Structures are given as C-alpha cells and as structure tokens.
Amino acid sequence: GGGSVQAGGSLRLSCQASGRSFSTLAMA
C-alpha cells in the first residue's frame, strides 16, 4: 500500500500475517 502522495492527502497501508492464528498476534 505504500506510494507517493501530496501533503494533506491520505493513504492506507495493509499488512498480512500468515503462519499461525492471526488472533493470537499483537500487531504494530
């Protein structure tokens, strides 16, 4: 989701975790 934007704009990053239950992970 990274990219280039102008000041004042918005952007949404996404992160996918795999390998075990997602509900057991704290994320940052």
PDB file of all heavy atoms in Angstrom:
ATOM      1  N   GLY A   1       0.771  -1.226   0.000  1.00  0.00           N
ATOM      2  CA  GLY A   1       0.000   0.000   0.000  1.00  0.00           C
ATOM      3  C   GLY A   1       0.805   1.280   0.000  1.00  0.00           C
ATOM      4  O   GLY A   1       0.224   2.372  -0.046  1.00  0.00           O
ATOM      5  N   GLY A   2       2.122   1.198   0.057  1.00  0.00           N
ATOM      6  CA  GLY A   2       2.941   2.395   0.045  1.00  0.00           C
ATOM      7  C   GLY A   2       2.881   3.093  -1.300  1.00  0.00           C
ATOM      8  O   GLY A   2       2.459   2.522  -2.302  1.00  0.00           O
ATOM      9  N   GLY A   3       3.311   4.353  -1.317  1.00  0.00           N
ATOM     10  CA  GLY A   3       3.309   5.127  -2.543  1.00  0.00           C
ATOM     11  C   GLY A   3       3.622   6.574  -2.277  1.00  0.00           C
ATOM     12  O   GLY A   3       4.075   6.933  -1.185  1.00  0.00           O
ATOM     13  N   SER A   4       3.390   7.419  -3.276  1.00  0.00           N
ATOM     14  CA  SER A   4       3.642   8.851  -3.178  1.00  0.00           C
ATOM     15  C   SER A   4       2.336   9.624  -3.176  1.00  0.00           C
ATOM     16  O   SER A   4       1.455   9.369  -4.010  1.00  0.00           O
ATOM     17  CB  SER A   4       4.507   9.321  -4.345  1.00  0.00           C
ATOM     18  OG  SER A   4       5.773   8.684  -4.342  1.00  0.00           O
ATOM     19  N   VAL A   5       2.214  10.558  -2.235  1.00  0.00           N
ATOM     20  CA  VAL A   5       1.018  11.394  -2.129  1.00  0.00           C
ATOM     21  C   VAL A   5       1.429  12.818  -1.811  1.00  0.00           C
ATOM     22  O   VAL A   5       2.554  13.076  -1.369  1.00  0.00           O
ATOM     23  CB  VAL A   5       0.041  10.884  -1.041  1.00  0.00           C
ATOM     24  CG1 VAL A   5      -0.453   9.485  -1.380  1.00  0.00           C
ATOM     25  CG2 VAL A   5       0.728  10.891   0.322  1.00  0.00           C
ATOM     26  N   GLN A   6       0.512  13.744  -2.018  1.00  0.00           N
ATOM     27  CA  GLN A   6       0.748  15.130  -1.672  1.00  0.00           C
ATOM     28  C   GLN A   6       0.375  15.380  -0.216  1.00  0.00           C
ATOM     29  O   GLN A   6      -0.464  14.683   0.355  1.00  0.00           O
ATOM     30  CB  GLN A   6      -0.057  16.055  -2.578  1.00  0.00           C
ATOM     31  CG  GLN A   6       0.386  16.050  -4.026  1.00  0.00           C
ATOM     32  CD  GLN A   6      -0.377  17.053  -4.869  1.00  0.00           C
ATOM     33  OE1 GLN A   6      -1.500  17.431  -4.540  1.00  0.00           O
ATOM     34  NE2 GLN A   6       0.232  17.490  -5.954  1.00  0.00           N
ATOM     35  N   ALA A   7       1.010  16.374   0.387  1.00  0.00           N
ATOM     36  CA  ALA A   7       0.703  16.749   1.761  1.00  0.00           C
ATOM     37  C   ALA A   7      -0.784  17.030   1.917  1.00  0.00           C
ATOM     38  O   ALA A   7      -1.397  17.664   1.058  1.00  0.00           O
ATOM     39  CB  ALA A   7       1.518  17.963   2.171  1.00  0.00           C
ATOM     40  N   GLY A   8      -1.350  16.538   3.016  1.00  0.00           N
ATOM     41  CA  GLY A   8      -2.774  16.693   3.266  1.00  0.00           C
ATOM     42  C   GLY A   8      -3.602  15.533   2.769  1.00  0.00           C
ATOM     43  O   GLY A   8      -4.789  15.422   3.119  1.00  0.00           O
ATOM     44  N   GLY A   9      -3.006  14.661   1.991  1.00  0.00           N
ATOM     45  CA  GLY A   9      -3.710  13.521   1.454  1.00  0.00           C
ATOM     46  C   GLY A   9      -3.755  12.347   2.408  1.00  0.00           C
ATOM     47  O   GLY A   9      -3.284  12.424   3.540  1.00  0.00           O
ATOM     48  N   SER A  10      -4.318  11.243   1.932  1.00  0.00           N
ATOM     49  CA  SER A  10      -4.469  10.041   2.742  1.00  0.00           C
ATOM     50  C   SER A  10      -3.935   8.821   2.006  1.00  0.00           C
ATOM     51  O   SER A  10      -3.871   8.789   0.780  1.00  0.00           O
ATOM     52  CB  SER A  10      -5.944   9.807   3.086  1.00  0.00           C
ATOM     53  OG  SER A  10      -6.478  10.865   3.863  1.00  0.00           O
ATOM     54  N   LEU A  11      -3.583   7.823   2.796  1.00  0.00           N
ATOM     55  CA  LEU A  11      -3.076   6.574   2.251  1.00  0.00           C
ATOM     56  C   LEU A  11      -3.365   5.475   3.257  1.00  0.00           C
ATOM     57  O   LEU A  11      -3.308   5.717   4.472  1.00  0.00           O
ATOM     58  CB  LEU A  11      -1.571   6.680   1.993  1.00  0.00           C
ATOM     59  CG  LEU A  11      -0.901   5.645   1.082  1.00  0.00           C
ATOM     60  CD1 LEU A  11      -1.434   5.767  -0.338  1.00  0.00           C
ATOM     61  CD2 LEU A  11       0.607   5.846   1.100  1.00  0.00           C
ATOM     62  N   ARG A  12      -3.671   4.271   2.781  1.00  0.00           N
ATOM     63  CA  ARG A  12      -3.909   3.146   3.677  1.00  0.00           C
ATOM     64  C   ARG A  12      -2.926   2.034   3.393  1.00  0.00           C
ATOM     65  O   ARG A  12      -2.854   1.526   2.269  1.00  0.00           O
ATOM     66  CB  ARG A  12      -5.342   2.620   3.547  1.00  0.00           C
ATOM     67  CG  ARG A  12      -5.664   1.567   4.614  1.00  0.00           C
ATOM     68  CD  ARG A  12      -7.098   1.082   4.545  1.00  0.00           C
ATOM     69  NE  ARG A  12      -7.324   0.188   3.429  1.00  0.00           N
ATOM     70  CZ  ARG A  12      -8.423  -0.550   3.276  1.00  0.00           C
ATOM     71  NH1 ARG A  12      -9.399  -0.477   4.175  1.00  0.00           N
ATOM     72  NH2 ARG A  12      -8.553  -1.327   2.218  1.00  0.00           N
ATOM     73  N   LEU A  13      -2.191   1.646   4.417  1.00  0.00           N
ATOM     74  CA  LEU A  13      -1.273   0.531   4.329  1.00  0.00           C
ATOM     75  C   LEU A  13      -1.950  -0.729   4.841  1.00  0.00           C
ATOM     76  O   LEU A  13      -2.787  -0.675   5.739  1.00  0.00           O
ATOM     77  CB  LEU A  13      -0.011   0.794   5.147  1.00  0.00           C
ATOM     78  CG  LEU A  13       0.763   2.082   4.848  1.00  0.00           C
ATOM     79  CD1 LEU A  13       2.013   2.143   5.716  1.00  0.00           C
ATOM     80  CD2 LEU A  13       1.117   2.167   3.371  1.00  0.00           C
ATOM     81  N   SER A  14      -1.569  -1.868   4.277  1.00  0.00           N
ATOM     82  CA  SER A  14      -2.095  -3.149   4.712  1.00  0.00           C
ATOM     83  C   SER A  14      -0.947  -4.074   5.081  1.00  0.00           C
ATOM     84  O   SER A  14       0.133  -4.002   4.503  1.00  0.00           O
ATOM     85  CB  SER A  14      -2.931  -3.798   3.604  1.00  0.00           C
ATOM     86  OG  SER A  14      -4.046  -2.999   3.266  1.00  0.00           O
ATOM     87  N   CYS A  15      -1.198  -4.946   6.032  1.00  0.00           N
ATOM     88  CA  CYS A  15      -0.208  -5.915   6.474  1.00  0.00           C
ATOM     89  C   CYS A  15      -0.884  -7.256   6.638  1.00  0.00           C
ATOM     90  O   CYS A  15      -1.900  -7.356   7.329  1.00  0.00           O
ATOM     91  CB  CYS A  15       0.426  -5.466   7.791  1.00  0.00           C
ATOM     92  SG  CYS A  15       1.544  -6.676   8.535  1.00  0.00           S
ATOM     93  N   GLN A  16      -0.326  -8.273   5.995  1.00  0.00           N
ATOM     94  CA  GLN A  16      -0.874  -9.612   6.118  1.00  0.00           C
ATOM     95  C   GLN A  16       0.092 -10.500   6.888  1.00  0.00           C
ATOM     96  O   GLN A  16       1.283 -10.550   6.570  1.00  0.00           O
ATOM     97  CB  GLN A  16      -1.158 -10.217   4.747  1.00  0.00           C
ATOM     98  CG  GLN A  16      -1.835 -11.586   4.832  1.00  0.00           C
ATOM     99  CD  GLN A  16      -2.512 -11.977   3.543  1.00  0.00           C
ATOM    100  OE1 GLN A  16      -1.951 -11.774   2.461  1.00  0.00           O
ATOM    101  NE2 GLN A  16      -3.708 -12.515   3.651  1.00  0.00           N
ATOM    102  N   ALA A  17      -0.418 -11.186   7.891  1.00  0.00           N
ATOM    103  CA  ALA A  17       0.364 -12.119   8.683  1.00  0.00           C
ATOM    104  C   ALA A  17      -0.112 -13.535   8.416  1.00  0.00           C
ATOM    105  O   ALA A  17      -1.316 -13.799   8.383  1.00  0.00           O
ATOM    106  CB  ALA A  17       0.255 -11.796  10.170  1.00  0.00           C
ATOM    107  N   SER A  18       0.833 -14.440   8.229  1.00  0.00           N
ATOM    108  CA  SER A  18       0.499 -15.835   7.970  1.00  0.00           C
ATOM    109  C   SER A  18       1.401 -16.746   8.775  1.00  0.00           C
ATOM    110  O   SER A  18       2.441 -16.326   9.280  1.00  0.00           O
ATOM    111  CB  SER A  18       0.623 -16.152   6.482  1.00  0.00           C
ATOM    112  OG  SER A  18       1.961 -15.955   6.029  1.00  0.00           O
ATOM    113  N   GLY A  19       1.012 -18.003   8.890  1.00  0.00           N
ATOM    114  CA  GLY A  19       1.818 -18.988   9.594  1.00  0.00           C
ATOM    115  C   GLY A  19       1.211 -19.493  10.892  1.00  0.00           C
ATOM    116  O   GLY A  19       1.569 -20.563  11.361  1.00  0.00           O
ATOM    117  N   ARG A  20       0.328 -18.728  11.477  1.00  0.00           N
ATOM    118  CA  ARG A  20      -0.383 -19.118  12.676  1.00  0.00           C
ATOM    119  C   ARG A  20      -1.638 -18.270  12.815  1.00  0.00           C
ATOM    120  O   ARG A  20      -1.856 -17.357  12.024  1.00  0.00           O
ATOM    121  CB  ARG A  20       0.494 -19.013  13.923  1.00  0.00           C
ATOM    122  CG  ARG A  20       0.929 -17.603  14.261  1.00  0.00           C
ATOM    123  CD  ARG A  20       1.549 -17.551  15.654  1.00  0.00           C
ATOM    124  NE  ARG A  20       0.574 -17.868  16.682  1.00  0.00           N
ATOM    125  CZ  ARG A  20       0.685 -18.853  17.566  1.00  0.00           C
ATOM    126  NH1 ARG A  20       1.759 -19.640  17.532  1.00  0.00           N
ATOM    127  NH2 ARG A  20      -0.257 -19.049  18.466  1.00  0.00           N
ATOM    128  N   SER A  21      -2.422 -18.541  13.809  1.00  0.00           N
ATOM    129  CA  SER A  21      -3.673 -17.819  14.009  1.00  0.00           C
ATOM    130  C   SER A  21      -3.421 -16.329  14.181  1.00  0.00           C
ATOM    131  O   SER A  21      -2.669 -15.907  15.051  1.00  0.00           O
ATOM    132  CB  SER A  21      -4.426 -18.362  15.215  1.00  0.00           C
ATOM    133  OG  SER A  21      -5.612 -17.625  15.441  1.00  0.00           O
ATOM    134  N   PHE A  22      -4.047 -15.538  13.333  1.00  0.00           N
ATOM    135  CA  PHE A  22      -3.903 -14.092  13.373  1.00  0.00           C
ATOM    136  C   PHE A  22      -4.407 -13.514  14.691  1.00  0.00           C
ATOM    137  O   PHE A  22      -3.908 -12.490  15.166  1.00  0.00           O
ATOM    138  CB  PHE A  22      -4.665 -13.482  12.196  1.00  0.00           C
ATOM    139  CG  PHE A  22      -4.512 -11.993  12.051  1.00  0.00           C
ATOM    140  CD1 PHE A  22      -3.281 -11.424  11.781  1.00  0.00           C
ATOM    141  CD2 PHE A  22      -5.617 -11.159  12.149  1.00  0.00           C
ATOM    142  CE1 PHE A  22      -3.140 -10.054  11.625  1.00  0.00           C
ATOM    143  CE2 PHE A  22      -5.493  -9.790  11.992  1.00  0.00           C
ATOM    144  CZ  PHE A  22      -4.245  -9.232  11.725  1.00  0.00           C
ATOM    145  N   SER A  23      -5.386 -14.151  15.292  1.00  0.00           N
ATOM    146  CA  SER A  23      -5.997 -13.646  16.519  1.00  0.00           C
ATOM    147  C   SER A  23      -5.084 -13.752  17.731  1.00  0.00           C
ATOM    148  O   SER A  23      -5.385 -13.164  18.773  1.00  0.00           O
ATOM    149  CB  SER A  23      -7.314 -14.377  16.803  1.00  0.00           C
ATOM    150  OG  SER A  23      -7.089 -15.756  17.041  1.00  0.00           O
ATOM    151  N   THR A  24      -3.976 -14.470  17.631  1.00  0.00           N
ATOM    152  CA  THR A  24      -3.042 -14.612  18.748  1.00  0.00           C
ATOM    153  C   THR A  24      -1.892 -13.620  18.685  1.00  0.00           C
ATOM    154  O   THR A  24      -1.025 -13.626  19.559  1.00  0.00           O
ATOM    155  CB  THR A  24      -2.465 -16.030  18.806  1.00  0.00           C
ATOM    156  OG1 THR A  24      -1.676 -16.278  17.639  1.00  0.00           O
ATOM    157  CG2 THR A  24      -3.589 -17.062  18.890  1.00  0.00           C
ATOM    158  N   LEU A  25      -1.859 -12.768  17.662  1.00  0.00           N
ATOM    159  CA  LEU A  25      -0.758 -11.842  17.445  1.00  0.00           C
ATOM    160  C   LEU A  25      -1.114 -10.409  17.818  1.00  0.00           C
ATOM    161  O   LEU A  25      -2.161  -9.902  17.414  1.00  0.00           O
ATOM    162  CB  LEU A  25      -0.327 -11.858  15.980  1.00  0.00           C
ATOM    163  CG  LEU A  25       0.237 -13.165  15.420  1.00  0.00           C
ATOM    164  CD1 LEU A  25       0.340 -13.060  13.906  1.00  0.00           C
ATOM    165  CD2 LEU A  25       1.595 -13.463  16.031  1.00  0.00           C
ATOM    166  N   ALA A  26      -0.222  -9.774  18.569  1.00  0.00           N
ATOM    167  CA  ALA A  26      -0.284  -8.327  18.708  1.00  0.00           C
ATOM    168  C   ALA A  26       0.452  -7.754  17.502  1.00  0.00           C
ATOM    169  O   ALA A  26       1.476  -8.294  17.080  1.00  0.00           O
ATOM    170  CB  ALA A  26       0.373  -7.880  20.006  1.00  0.00           C
ATOM    171  N   MET A  27      -0.051  -6.669  16.930  1.00  0.00           N
ATOM    172  CA  MET A  27       0.500  -6.117  15.698  1.00  0.00           C
ATOM    173  C   MET A  27       0.865  -4.655  15.879  1.00  0.00           C
ATOM    174  O   MET A  27       0.241  -3.938  16.664  1.00  0.00           O
ATOM    175  CB  MET A  27      -0.504  -6.245  14.552  1.00  0.00           C
ATOM    176  CG  MET A  27      -1.029  -7.650  14.313  1.00  0.00           C
ATOM    177  SD  MET A  27       0.233  -8.767  13.642  1.00  0.00           S
ATOM    178  CE  MET A  27       0.528  -8.019  12.037  1.00  0.00           C
ATOM    179  N   ALA A  28       1.862  -4.206  15.111  1.00  0.00           N
ATOM    180  CA  ALA A  28       2.305  -2.826  15.225  1.00  0.00           C
ATOM    181  C   ALA A  28       2.860  -2.312  13.907  1.00  0.00           C
ATOM    182  O   ALA A  28       3.224  -3.085  13.014  1.00  0.00           O
ATOM    183  CB  ALA A  28       3.369  -2.690  16.317  1.00  0.00           C
TER     184      ALA A  28
END
